[in-house]
PDB file of N, CA and C in Angstrom:
ATOM      1  N   MET A   1     113.322 113.400  78.303  1.00  0.00           N
ATOM      2  CA  MET A   1     112.445 112.374  78.808  1.00  0.00           C
ATOM      3  C   MET A   1     111.276 113.023  79.554  1.00  0.00           C
ATOM      4  N   ARG A   2     110.083 112.534  79.313  1.00  0.00           N
ATOM      5  CA  ARG A   2     108.891 113.080  79.957  1.00  0.00           C
ATOM      6  C   ARG A   2     108.753 112.559  81.386  1.00  0.00           C
ATOM      7  N   PRO A   3     108.243 113.414  82.276  1.00  0.00           N
ATOM      8  CA  PRO A   3     107.976 112.925  83.638  1.00  0.00           C
ATOM      9  C   PRO A   3     106.807 111.942  83.615  1.00  0.00           C
ATOM     10  N   PRO A   4     106.737 111.050  84.587  1.00  0.00           N
ATOM     11  CA  PRO A   4     105.636 110.087  84.605  1.00  0.00           C
ATOM     12  C   PRO A   4     104.294 110.781  84.846  1.00  0.00           C
ATOM     13  N   VAL A   5     103.238 110.193  84.335  1.00  0.00           N
ATOM     14  CA  VAL A   5     101.889 110.709  84.555  1.00  0.00           C
ATOM     15  C   VAL A   5     101.381 110.180  85.895  1.00  0.00           C
ATOM     16  N   LEU A   6     100.832 111.060  86.692  1.00  0.00           N
ATOM     17  CA  LEU A   6     100.247 110.665  87.974  1.00  0.00           C
ATOM     18  C   LEU A   6      98.725 110.746  87.866  1.00  0.00           C
ATOM     19  N   ILE A   7      98.044 109.741  88.370  1.00  0.00           N
ATOM     20  CA  ILE A   7      96.588 109.720  88.382  1.00  0.00           C
ATOM     21  C   ILE A   7      96.125 110.155  89.769  1.00  0.00           C
ATOM     22  N   ILE A   8      95.263 111.195  89.809  1.00  0.00           N
ATOM     23  CA  ILE A   8      94.778 111.746  91.070  1.00  0.00           C
ATOM     24  C   ILE A   8      93.291 111.452  91.215  1.00  0.00           C
ATOM     25  N   ALA A   9      92.912 110.845  92.343  1.00  0.00           N
ATOM     26  CA  ALA A   9      91.501 110.614  92.659  1.00  0.00           C
ATOM     27  C   ALA A   9      91.013 111.771  93.524  1.00  0.00           C
ATOM     28  N   GLU A  10      89.894 112.360  93.154  1.00  0.00           N
ATOM     29  CA  GLU A  10      89.304 113.471  93.903  1.00  0.00           C
ATOM     30  C   GLU A  10      88.267 112.921  94.870  1.00  0.00           C
ATOM     31  N   ALA A  11      88.634 112.805  96.138  1.00  0.00           N
ATOM     32  CA  ALA A  11      87.684 112.344  97.151  1.00  0.00           C
ATOM     33  C   ALA A  11      86.830 113.507  97.645  1.00  0.00           C
ATOM     34  N   GLY A  12      87.362 114.722  97.503  1.00  0.00           N
ATOM     35  CA  GLY A  12      86.601 115.906  97.881  1.00  0.00           C
ATOM     36  C   GLY A  12      86.185 115.882  99.337  1.00  0.00           C
ATOM     37  N   VAL A  13      84.911 116.148  99.573  1.00  0.00           N
ATOM     38  CA  VAL A  13      84.369 116.129 100.932  1.00  0.00           C
ATOM     39  C   VAL A  13      83.473 114.914 101.139  1.00  0.00           C
ATOM     40  N   ASN A  14      83.632 113.908 100.293  1.00  0.00           N
ATOM     41  CA  ASN A  14      82.790 112.716 100.366  1.00  0.00           C
ATOM     42  C   ASN A  14      83.060 111.859 101.593  1.00  0.00           C
ATOM     43  N   HIS A  15      84.035 112.227 102.405  1.00  0.00           N
ATOM     44  CA  HIS A  15      84.317 111.513 103.652  1.00  0.00           C
ATOM     45  C   HIS A  15      83.342 111.917 104.754  1.00  0.00           C
ATOM     46  N   ASN A  16      82.586 113.005 104.518  1.00  0.00           N
ATOM     47  CA  ASN A  16      81.591 113.487 105.488  1.00  0.00           C
ATOM     48  C   ASN A  16      82.180 113.702 106.882  1.00  0.00           C
ATOM     49  N   GLY A  17      83.467 114.016 106.936  1.00  0.00           N
ATOM     50  CA  GLY A  17      84.122 114.266 108.214  1.00  0.00           C
ATOM     51  C   GLY A  17      84.554 113.010 108.956  1.00  0.00           C
ATOM     52  N   SER A  18      84.378 111.847 108.337  1.00  0.00           N
ATOM     53  CA  SER A  18      84.706 110.574 108.982  1.00  0.00           C
ATOM     54  C   SER A  18      86.083 110.083 108.542  1.00  0.00           C
ATOM     55  N   ILE A  19      86.987 109.901 109.500  1.00  0.00           N
ATOM     56  CA  ILE A  19      88.313 109.369 109.189  1.00  0.00           C
ATOM     57  C   ILE A  19      88.200 107.951 108.640  1.00  0.00           C
ATOM     58  N   ALA A  20      87.311 107.144 109.223  1.00  0.00           N
ATOM     59  CA  ALA A  20      87.137 105.758 108.760  1.00  0.00           C
ATOM     60  C   ALA A  20      86.685 105.723 107.304  1.00  0.00           C
ATOM     61  N   LEU A  21      85.743 106.589 106.949  1.00  0.00           N
ATOM     62  CA  LEU A  21      85.276 106.635 105.563  1.00  0.00           C
ATOM     63  C   LEU A  21      86.380 107.149 104.647  1.00  0.00           C
ATOM     64  N   ALA A  22      87.152 108.121 105.100  1.00  0.00           N
ATOM     65  CA  ALA A  22      88.267 108.637 104.306  1.00  0.00           C
ATOM     66  C   ALA A  22      89.267 107.526 104.004  1.00  0.00           C
ATOM     67  N   LYS A  23      89.548 106.683 105.002  1.00  0.00           N
ATOM     68  CA  LYS A  23      90.468 105.564 104.786  1.00  0.00           C
ATOM     69  C   LYS A  23      89.902 104.568 103.779  1.00  0.00           C
ATOM     70  N   LYS A  24      88.589 104.337 103.819  1.00  0.00           N
ATOM     71  CA  LYS A  24      87.960 103.445 102.839  1.00  0.00           C
ATOM     72  C   LYS A  24      88.061 104.030 101.431  1.00  0.00           C
ATOM     73  N   LEU A  25      87.906 105.345 101.313  1.00  0.00           N
ATOM     74  CA  LEU A  25      88.051 105.997 100.010  1.00  0.00           C
ATOM     75  C   LEU A  25      89.480 105.858  99.491  1.00  0.00           C
ATOM     76  N   ILE A  26      90.449 105.980 100.382  1.00  0.00           N
ATOM     77  CA  ILE A  26      91.848 105.801  99.989  1.00  0.00           C
ATOM     78  C   ILE A  26      92.080 104.376  99.505  1.00  0.00           C
ATOM     79  N   ASP A  27      91.566 103.398 100.246  1.00  0.00           N
ATOM     80  CA  ASP A  27      91.723 101.992  99.846  1.00  0.00           C
ATOM     81  C   ASP A  27      91.087 101.729  98.486  1.00  0.00           C
ATOM     82  N   ALA A  28      89.884 102.266  98.267  1.00  0.00           N
ATOM     83  CA  ALA A  28      89.196 102.068  96.988  1.00  0.00           C
ATOM     84  C   ALA A  28      89.980 102.714  95.849  1.00  0.00           C
ATOM     85  N   ALA A  29      90.521 103.901  96.096  1.00  0.00           N
ATOM     86  CA  ALA A  29      91.316 104.576  95.072  1.00  0.00           C
ATOM     87  C   ALA A  29      92.582 103.784  94.770  1.00  0.00           C
ATOM     88  N   PHE A  30      93.242 103.282  95.810  1.00  0.00           N
ATOM     89  CA  PHE A  30      94.442 102.464  95.625  1.00  0.00           C
ATOM     90  C   PHE A  30      94.112 101.225  94.790  1.00  0.00           C
ATOM     91  N   ASP A  31      92.984 100.567  95.118  1.00  0.00           N
ATOM     92  CA  ASP A  31      92.565  99.375  94.365  1.00  0.00           C
ATOM     93  C   ASP A  31      92.301  99.699  92.898  1.00  0.00           C
ATOM     94  N   ALA A  32      91.896 100.947  92.630  1.00  0.00           N
ATOM     95  CA  ALA A  32      91.633 101.377  91.252  1.00  0.00           C
ATOM     96  C   ALA A  32      92.912 101.779  90.525  1.00  0.00           C
ATOM     97  N   GLY A  33      94.033 101.849  91.257  1.00  0.00           N
ATOM     98  CA  GLY A  33      95.311 102.127  90.619  1.00  0.00           C
ATOM     99  C   GLY A  33      95.741 103.579  90.604  1.00  0.00           C
ATOM    100  N   VAL A  34      95.131 104.429  91.425  1.00  0.00           N
ATOM    101  CA  VAL A  34      95.534 105.835  91.431  1.00  0.00           C
ATOM    102  C   VAL A  34      96.831 106.025  92.215  1.00  0.00           C
ATOM    103  N   ASP A  35      97.479 107.157  91.967  1.00  0.00           N
ATOM    104  CA  ASP A  35      98.734 107.480  92.640  1.00  0.00           C
ATOM    105  C   ASP A  35      98.535 108.408  93.839  1.00  0.00           C
ATOM    106  N   ILE A  36      97.531 109.273  93.744  1.00  0.00           N
ATOM    107  CA  ILE A  36      97.309 110.310  94.751  1.00  0.00           C
ATOM    108  C   ILE A  36      95.811 110.425  95.008  1.00  0.00           C
ATOM    109  N   VAL A  37      95.441 110.644  96.273  1.00  0.00           N
ATOM    110  CA  VAL A  37      94.044 110.913  96.624  1.00  0.00           C
ATOM    111  C   VAL A  37      93.984 112.312  97.221  1.00  0.00           C
ATOM    112  N   LYS A  38      93.105 113.150  96.664  1.00  0.00           N
ATOM    113  CA  LYS A  38      92.974 114.538  97.109  1.00  0.00           C
ATOM    114  C   LYS A  38      91.697 114.684  97.925  1.00  0.00           C
ATOM    115  N   PHE A  39      91.823 115.285  99.104  1.00  0.00           N
ATOM    116  CA  PHE A  39      90.680 115.541  99.979  1.00  0.00           C
ATOM    117  C   PHE A  39      90.494 117.037 100.158  1.00  0.00           C
ATOM    118  N   GLN A  40      89.306 117.417 100.604  1.00  0.00           N
ATOM    119  CA  GLN A  40      89.014 118.798 100.946  1.00  0.00           C
ATOM    120  C   GLN A  40      88.299 118.819 102.289  1.00  0.00           C
ATOM    121  N   THR A  41      88.549 119.851 103.046  1.00  0.00           N
ATOM    122  CA  THR A  41      87.773 120.106 104.255  1.00  0.00           C
ATOM    123  C   THR A  41      87.429 121.586 104.264  1.00  0.00           C
ATOM    124  N   PHE A  42      86.304 121.905 104.839  1.00  0.00           N
ATOM    125  CA  PHE A  42      85.918 123.301 104.970  1.00  0.00           C
ATOM    126  C   PHE A  42      84.848 123.418 106.041  1.00  0.00           C
ATOM    127  N   LYS A  43      84.633 124.630 106.479  1.00  0.00           N
ATOM    128  CA  LYS A  43      83.557 124.926 107.417  1.00  0.00           C
ATOM    129  C   LYS A  43      82.565 125.819 106.690  1.00  0.00           C
ATOM    130  N   ALA A  44      81.332 125.362 106.598  1.00  0.00           N
ATOM    131  CA  ALA A  44      80.303 126.111 105.873  1.00  0.00           C
ATOM    132  C   ALA A  44      80.144 127.523 106.428  1.00  0.00           C
ATOM    133  N   ALA A  45      80.330 127.682 107.720  1.00  0.00           N
ATOM    134  CA  ALA A  45      80.189 129.002 108.339  1.00  0.00           C
ATOM    135  C   ALA A  45      81.188 130.004 107.770  1.00  0.00           C
ATOM    136  N   ASN A  46      82.309 129.514 107.254  1.00  0.00           N
ATOM    137  CA  ASN A  46      83.309 130.402 106.660  1.00  0.00           C
ATOM    138  C   ASN A  46      82.994 130.753 105.214  1.00  0.00           C
ATOM    139  N   LEU A  47      81.987 130.104 104.628  1.00  0.00           N
ATOM    140  CA  LEU A  47      81.670 130.316 103.221  1.00  0.00           C
ATOM    141  C   LEU A  47      80.389 131.097 102.987  1.00  0.00           C
ATOM    142  N   VAL A  48      79.512 131.112 103.978  1.00  0.00           N
ATOM    143  CA  VAL A  48      78.187 131.700 103.790  1.00  0.00           C
ATOM    144  C   VAL A  48      77.933 132.749 104.864  1.00  0.00           C
ATOM    145  N   SER A  49      77.336 133.830 104.455  1.00  0.00           N
ATOM    146  CA  SER A  49      76.977 134.877 105.398  1.00  0.00           C
ATOM    147  C   SER A  49      75.857 134.402 106.318  1.00  0.00           C
ATOM    148  N   LYS A  50      75.902 134.818 107.573  1.00  0.00           N
ATOM    149  CA  LYS A  50      74.827 134.485 108.512  1.00  0.00           C
ATOM    150  C   LYS A  50      73.498 135.087 108.064  1.00  0.00           C
ATOM    151  N   ASP A  51      73.564 136.141 107.249  1.00  0.00           N
ATOM    152  CA  ASP A  51      72.358 136.824 106.787  1.00  0.00           C
ATOM    153  C   ASP A  51      71.842 136.292 105.454  1.00  0.00           C
ATOM    154  N   ALA A  52      72.495 135.280 104.898  1.00  0.00           N
ATOM    155  CA  ALA A  52      72.073 134.734 103.603  1.00  0.00           C
ATOM    156  C   ALA A  52      70.689 134.094 103.733  1.00  0.00           C
ATOM    157  N   VAL A  53      69.862 134.294 102.727  1.00  0.00           N
ATOM    158  CA  VAL A  53      68.524 133.712 102.705  1.00  0.00           C
ATOM    159  C   VAL A  53      68.647 132.217 102.447  1.00  0.00           C
ATOM    160  N   LYS A  54      67.933 131.416 103.240  1.00  0.00           N
ATOM    161  CA  LYS A  54      67.976 129.967 103.065  1.00  0.00           C
ATOM    162  C   LYS A  54      67.026 129.540 101.960  1.00  0.00           C
ATOM    163  N   ALA A  55      67.395 128.460 101.280  1.00  0.00           N
ATOM    164  CA  ALA A  55      66.516 127.866 100.278  1.00  0.00           C
ATOM    165  C   ALA A  55      65.353 127.181 100.984  1.00  0.00           C
ATOM    166  N   SER A  56      64.273 126.929 100.277  1.00  0.00           N
ATOM    167  CA  SER A  56      63.071 126.347 100.878  1.00  0.00           C
ATOM    168  C   SER A  56      63.321 124.973 101.488  1.00  0.00           C
ATOM    169  N   TYR A  57      64.330 124.242 101.004  1.00  0.00           N
ATOM    170  CA  TYR A  57      64.596 122.895 101.509  1.00  0.00           C
ATOM    171  C   TYR A  57      65.529 122.882 102.715  1.00  0.00           C
ATOM    172  N   GLN A  58      66.009 124.040 103.143  1.00  0.00           N
ATOM    173  CA  GLN A  58      66.959 124.085 104.265  1.00  0.00           C
ATOM    174  C   GLN A  58      66.253 124.228 105.591  1.00  0.00           C
TER     175      GLN A  58
END
């Protein structure tokens, strides 16, 4: 017998650090019928060198 298929919604970093917005994303995903909502958090300072050249729009 095959295991059930789980549908995962990727919320990513679209919560912008807001718990309230994250909860709204969870509610919207639930309303869409997903089983799991995946979030990400990170600190930009841990990803980019302090000496990195900035783009013209930064």
